[in-house]
Amino acid sequence: MPRLAAAWRGLAAAAAALLTVALVPSSAAAGPGAASARPAGADGPKAPREFVALRDVDPTVIQEIRYATPHDFLGVPATGYREPMCILTRDAARALHRAQVAFLRRGYSLKVYDCYRPQRAVDHFVAWAKDLSDQRMKAEFYPRVDKSVLFRDGYIAEKSGHSRGSTVDLTLVELPAVPTRPYVPGEPLTSCFGPEASRFPDNSLDMGTGFDCFDTLAHTLDPRISGKQRAHRLLLKAGLEKAGFVNYADEWWHYTFSPETFPDTYFDFPIARSSLRRR
């Protein structure tokens, strides 16, 4: 197995080097509020040219876009997620590529759960939070939090930095990656902050909680998280900070590239290949 792991790391490093050579030059970032999505027929608004599919910049980053599935706190796919793909501003995608190159050389891969998020999805979150009768996913995502305080405690808001295009939710996976089994709607739920063996299976490193866990244990530096779980969070944090990302302290998975291409603009184009403009 050590020989196999070493071979895998060698292949990963070679792939990372090829991606670095192939990466196209960076364009200048737009100023605050300088761009907006414009209507484009029946498909809805198009993304500004500064947005790209992450897979076009770095196809090695694993993508598990949760809000395109029913395995999220809503229990259904979020509005606007027409395809399970990661879209980001070009600058954020290139920075993520730089982080990925470094992680691949150490035998890990980044895995993204969410990237750009349209405003219509945020509106879906808000409507869900106001419907106190819908508790179908409580046992996994917010077992210790009353749904009535989700706004007060900052778990849900009417605007999200994800809608500006430079924020990403992500984790680390040890290579070679094993598949994560699909969620089956209606299956028994288990707490997002329980022991790793009892949580819904995820091929990521153990970070102490699952993704989108509405609990203070998800705070990046919560002192109750120790040992390998804390080491994994710090490994992710250090690697992303070197690439220019800033962590949101209340969520170990949440990072924003700085400076943002669109620091003051919230977009609402749907997540689909057809939303992106051809270069």
Protein backbone atom coordinates (compact mmCIF):
# COMPACT_ATOMS: atom_id res chain seq x y z
CA MET A 1 0.00 0.00 0.00
CA PRO A 2 2.80 2.58 0.71
CA ARG A 3 4.16 1.94 -2.79
CA LEU A 4 0.67 2.42 -4.29
CA ALA A 5 0.12 5.63 -2.32
CA ALA A 6 3.51 6.97 -3.45
CA ALA A 7 2.66 6.20 -7.08
CA TRP A 8 -0.67 7.97 -6.70
CA ARG A 9 1.01 11.06 -5.23
CA GLY A 10 3.47 11.05 -8.12
CA LEU A 11 0.67 10.98 -10.67
CA ALA A 12 -1.21 13.69 -8.76
CA ALA A 13 1.88 15.92 -8.73
CA ALA A 14 2.37 15.41 -12.46
CA ALA A 15 -1.25 16.29 -13.14
CA ALA A 16 -0.92 19.38 -10.97
CA ALA A 17 2.18 20.49 -12.88
CA LEU A 18 0.42 20.09 -16.21
CA LEU A 19 -2.53 22.11 -14.95
CA THR A 20 -0.21 24.88 -13.82
CA VAL A 21 1.36 25.10 -17.28
CA ALA A 22 -2.04 25.07 -18.97
CA LEU A 23 -3.56 27.79 -16.81
CA VAL A 24 -4.40 30.87 -18.87
CA PRO A 25 -3.15 34.31 -17.76
CA SER A 26 -5.19 36.23 -15.20
CA SER A 27 -7.33 39.19 -16.19
CA ALA A 28 -7.71 42.35 -14.16
CA ALA A 29 -10.42 42.22 -11.49
CA ALA A 30 -13.44 44.45 -11.92
CA GLY A 31 -14.11 47.17 -9.41
CA PRO A 32 -16.92 47.12 -6.84
CA GLY A 33 -20.31 46.76 -8.48
CA ALA A 34 -18.77 47.11 -11.93
CA ALA A 35 -20.57 44.12 -13.45
CA SER A 36 -24.00 42.54 -13.24
CA ALA A 37 -25.76 39.58 -14.82
CA ARG A 38 -27.77 40.65 -17.84
CA PRO A 39 -30.98 39.01 -19.17
CA ALA A 40 -30.37 36.53 -21.97
CA GLY A 41 -33.58 34.98 -23.22
CA ALA A 42 -35.54 32.08 -21.80
CA ASP A 43 -32.56 30.63 -19.91
CA GLY A 44 -32.52 33.65 -17.63
CA PRO A 45 -29.61 35.98 -16.82
CA LYS A 46 -26.11 35.20 -17.99
CA ALA A 47 -23.01 35.36 -15.83
CA PRO A 48 -20.48 38.12 -16.43
CA ARG A 49 -17.38 36.99 -18.32
CA GLU A 50 -15.41 36.98 -15.07
CA PHE A 51 -17.22 33.75 -14.04
CA VAL A 52 -15.92 30.31 -15.03
CA ALA A 53 -16.64 26.65 -14.37
CA LEU A 54 -14.09 25.38 -11.85
CA ARG A 55 -13.75 22.17 -13.87
CA ASP A 56 -12.38 24.23 -16.78
CA VAL A 57 -9.67 25.65 -14.54
CA ASP A 58 -8.90 22.58 -12.45
CA PRO A 59 -10.62 19.27 -13.26
CA THR A 60 -8.86 17.48 -10.37
CA VAL A 61 -10.87 19.21 -7.61
CA ILE A 62 -13.61 16.83 -6.46
CA GLN A 63 -17.12 18.27 -6.70
CA GLU A 64 -20.02 17.19 -4.50
CA ILE A 65 -22.49 20.04 -4.97
CA ARG A 66 -24.89 19.38 -2.12
CA TYR A 67 -27.57 21.97 -2.94
CA ALA A 68 -28.16 20.28 -6.29
CA THR A 69 -29.32 17.23 -4.30
CA PRO A 70 -31.87 16.54 -1.55
CA HIS A 71 -29.03 15.92 0.94
CA ASP A 72 -29.03 19.41 2.41
CA PHE A 73 -30.84 21.13 5.26
CA LEU A 74 -33.79 21.84 2.94
CA GLY A 75 -34.34 18.18 2.09
CA VAL A 76 -34.78 19.14 -1.58
CA PRO A 77 -32.50 20.66 -4.25
CA ALA A 78 -32.16 24.43 -3.87
CA THR A 79 -33.76 26.71 -6.43
CA GLY A 80 -31.36 27.71 -9.20
CA TYR A 81 -29.11 24.62 -9.03
CA ARG A 82 -29.86 23.31 -12.50
CA GLU A 83 -26.59 21.37 -12.76
CA PRO A 84 -24.27 19.96 -10.05
CA MET A 85 -21.31 22.17 -10.94
CA CYS A 86 -19.02 24.68 -9.27
CA ILE A 87 -18.99 28.18 -10.77
CA LEU A 88 -16.64 30.84 -9.40
CA THR A 89 -15.06 34.10 -10.42
CA ARG A 90 -11.95 33.41 -12.47
CA ASP A 91 -9.63 34.83 -9.81
CA ALA A 92 -11.15 32.61 -7.09
CA ALA A 93 -10.99 29.53 -9.34
CA ARG A 94 -7.32 30.14 -10.13
CA ALA A 95 -6.53 30.63 -6.46
CA LEU A 96 -8.31 27.37 -5.67
CA HIS A 97 -6.20 25.70 -8.35
CA ARG A 98 -3.03 26.95 -6.65
CA ALA A 99 -4.19 25.48 -3.35
CA GLN A 100 -5.10 22.21 -5.06
CA VAL A 101 -1.64 21.88 -6.60
CA ALA A 102 -0.07 22.11 -3.14
CA PHE A 103 -2.53 19.66 -1.59
CA LEU A 104 -2.11 17.11 -4.40
CA ARG A 105 1.63 17.03 -3.74
CA ARG A 106 0.85 16.05 -0.14
CA GLY A 107 -1.58 13.29 -1.11
CA TYR A 108 -4.84 15.19 -0.66
CA SER A 109 -7.50 16.72 -2.89
CA LEU A 110 -9.89 19.55 -2.24
CA LYS A 111 -13.59 18.72 -2.45
CA VAL A 112 -16.12 21.51 -2.97
CA TYR A 113 -19.65 21.35 -1.58
CA ASP A 114 -20.83 24.75 -2.82
CA CYS A 115 -19.42 27.64 -4.82
CA TYR A 116 -21.35 30.49 -6.46
CA ARG A 117 -24.93 30.50 -5.12
CA PRO A 118 -27.69 32.40 -6.95
CA GLN A 119 -29.85 34.84 -5.00
CA ARG A 120 -32.90 32.73 -5.83
CA ALA A 121 -31.35 29.88 -3.82
CA VAL A 122 -30.74 32.24 -0.89
CA ASP A 123 -34.40 33.28 -1.14
CA HIS A 124 -35.31 29.58 -1.00
CA PHE A 125 -33.26 29.24 2.21
CA VAL A 126 -35.06 32.24 3.74
CA ALA A 127 -38.52 30.90 2.84
CA TRP A 128 -37.60 27.51 4.30
CA ALA A 129 -36.34 29.08 7.54
CA LYS A 130 -39.62 30.94 7.98
CA ASP A 131 -41.64 27.72 7.59
CA LEU A 132 -41.28 26.34 11.12
CA SER A 133 -43.39 23.30 10.24
CA ASP A 134 -40.73 21.91 7.90
CA GLN A 135 -38.39 20.00 10.18
CA ARG A 136 -37.62 17.04 7.91
CA MET A 137 -33.80 17.42 8.05
CA LYS A 138 -33.47 18.65 11.64
CA ALA A 139 -32.05 15.40 13.03
CA GLU A 140 -28.95 15.74 10.84
CA PHE A 141 -28.28 19.42 10.25
CA TYR A 142 -29.58 21.30 13.33
CA PRO A 143 -30.46 18.78 16.07
CA ARG A 144 -29.57 21.16 18.93
CA VAL A 145 -30.83 24.41 17.38
CA ASP A 146 -34.45 25.54 17.35
CA LYS A 147 -35.41 26.50 13.81
CA SER A 148 -37.01 29.72 15.06
CA VAL A 149 -33.57 31.18 15.93
CA LEU A 150 -31.76 30.43 12.66
CA PHE A 151 -31.92 34.11 11.59
CA ARG A 152 -30.99 35.46 15.03
CA ASP A 153 -28.00 33.14 15.35
CA GLY A 154 -26.73 33.89 11.84
CA TYR A 155 -27.22 30.48 10.25
CA ILE A 156 -29.57 31.91 7.59
CA ALA A 157 -29.42 35.43 6.11
CA GLU A 158 -31.14 37.27 3.26
CA LYS A 159 -27.82 37.80 1.46
CA SER A 160 -24.88 35.44 1.05
CA GLY A 161 -21.29 36.09 0.09
CA HIS A 162 -21.59 33.03 -2.15
CA SER A 163 -23.75 35.10 -4.50
CA ARG A 164 -20.75 37.37 -5.20
CA GLY A 165 -18.89 34.43 -6.72
CA SER A 166 -15.64 34.26 -4.72
CA THR A 167 -16.80 32.17 -1.75
CA VAL A 168 -16.57 28.39 -1.58
CA ASP A 169 -17.54 25.64 0.88
CA LEU A 170 -15.00 22.83 0.83
CA THR A 171 -13.05 20.11 2.60
CA LEU A 172 -10.08 17.78 2.09
CA VAL A 173 -10.06 14.18 0.86
CA GLU A 174 -7.14 11.79 1.27
CA LEU A 175 -6.04 10.18 -2.01
CA PRO A 176 -6.87 7.83 -3.53
CA ALA A 177 -10.43 9.00 -2.92
CA VAL A 178 -13.11 6.44 -2.19
CA PRO A 179 -16.67 7.17 -3.39
CA THR A 180 -19.25 8.59 -1.00
CA ARG A 181 -22.50 6.66 -1.11
CA PRO A 182 -25.55 8.61 -2.31
CA TYR A 183 -28.11 9.90 0.16
CA VAL A 184 -31.51 8.20 -0.06
CA PRO A 185 -34.39 10.62 0.65
CA GLY A 186 -36.33 9.46 3.68
CA GLU A 187 -33.51 7.39 5.17
CA PRO A 188 -32.92 7.67 8.93
CA LEU A 189 -30.86 10.75 9.78
CA THR A 190 -27.93 10.99 12.19
CA SER A 191 -26.48 14.05 13.91
CA CYS A 192 -23.91 16.10 12.00
CA PHE A 193 -21.76 16.49 15.12
CA GLY A 194 -21.72 12.88 16.32
CA PRO A 195 -18.69 10.59 16.09
CA GLU A 196 -17.42 10.16 12.54
CA ALA A 197 -18.62 6.55 12.37
CA SER A 198 -22.19 7.58 13.21
CA ARG A 199 -22.46 10.58 10.87
CA PHE A 200 -23.59 10.32 7.26
CA PRO A 201 -20.55 8.88 5.43
CA ASP A 202 -18.26 11.34 3.69
CA ASN A 203 -14.95 10.56 2.00
CA SER A 204 -13.39 13.69 3.47
CA LEU A 205 -10.96 13.93 6.37
CA ASP A 206 -12.73 13.95 9.74
CA MET A 207 -13.32 17.62 10.54
CA GLY A 208 -15.33 17.00 13.72
CA THR A 209 -18.72 17.77 12.13
CA GLY A 210 -20.33 17.25 8.79
CA PHE A 211 -20.78 20.00 6.21
CA ASP A 212 -23.50 22.58 6.94
CA CYS A 213 -23.77 21.56 10.58
CA PHE A 214 -25.76 24.29 12.36
CA ASP A 215 -23.88 24.01 15.63
CA THR A 216 -21.12 25.85 17.49
CA LEU A 217 -18.90 22.78 17.09
CA ALA A 218 -18.60 23.81 13.44
CA HIS A 219 -16.74 26.99 14.49
CA THR A 220 -13.31 26.54 12.96
CA LEU A 221 -11.30 26.93 16.17
CA ASP A 222 -13.87 25.67 18.69
CA PRO A 223 -11.72 24.45 21.63
CA ARG A 224 -13.77 21.25 21.96
CA ILE A 225 -12.38 20.12 18.59
CA SER A 226 -8.96 18.60 19.20
CA GLY A 227 -6.57 15.92 18.03
CA LYS A 228 -6.71 14.86 14.39
CA GLN A 229 -9.98 16.74 13.80
CA ARG A 230 -8.37 20.06 14.75
CA ALA A 231 -5.24 19.15 12.77
CA HIS A 232 -7.36 18.53 9.68
CA ARG A 233 -9.14 21.88 10.03
CA LEU A 234 -5.82 23.66 10.43
CA LEU A 235 -4.35 21.82 7.43
CA LEU A 236 -7.23 23.03 5.26
CA LYS A 237 -7.03 26.54 6.70
CA ALA A 238 -3.29 26.93 6.23
CA GLY A 239 -3.34 25.68 2.64
CA LEU A 240 -6.19 27.94 1.61
CA GLU A 241 -4.79 31.00 3.37
CA LYS A 242 -1.55 30.60 1.41
CA ALA A 243 -3.64 30.81 -1.77
CA GLY A 244 -5.40 34.01 -0.66
CA PHE A 245 -8.57 32.69 0.99
CA VAL A 246 -10.02 33.93 4.28
CA ASN A 247 -11.98 31.62 6.58
CA TYR A 248 -15.37 32.48 8.10
CA ALA A 249 -14.73 31.64 11.75
CA ASP A 250 -18.19 30.13 12.39
CA GLU A 251 -17.87 27.50 9.63
CA TRP A 252 -14.75 25.40 9.12
CA TRP A 253 -15.71 24.75 5.47
CA HIS A 254 -16.39 28.38 4.40
CA TYR A 255 -13.68 30.43 2.62
CA THR A 256 -13.67 33.61 0.55
CA PHE A 257 -10.94 34.63 -1.87
CA SER A 258 -9.64 38.15 -1.26
CA PRO A 259 -9.70 40.58 -2.94
CA GLU A 260 -13.13 39.67 -4.30
CA THR A 261 -13.78 40.37 -7.96
CA PHE A 262 -17.29 41.62 -7.12
CA PRO A 263 -17.24 42.71 -3.46
CA ASP A 264 -20.59 44.54 -3.61
CA THR A 265 -22.60 42.69 -6.27
CA TYR A 266 -24.99 39.76 -5.67
CA PHE A 267 -25.85 37.69 -8.73
CA ASP A 268 -28.86 35.57 -9.62
CA PHE A 269 -27.99 33.64 -12.78
CA PRO A 270 -28.76 29.89 -12.44
CA ILE A 271 -26.04 27.31 -11.96
CA ALA A 272 -25.72 25.73 -15.39
CA ARG A 273 -23.14 25.57 -18.15
CA SER A 274 -25.51 27.62 -20.30
CA SER A 275 -25.21 30.55 -17.85
CA LEU A 276 -21.53 31.01 -18.69
CA ARG A 277 -20.41 33.12 -21.63
CA ARG A 278 -18.08 31.67 -24.21
CA ARG A 279 -14.71 33.36 -24.26
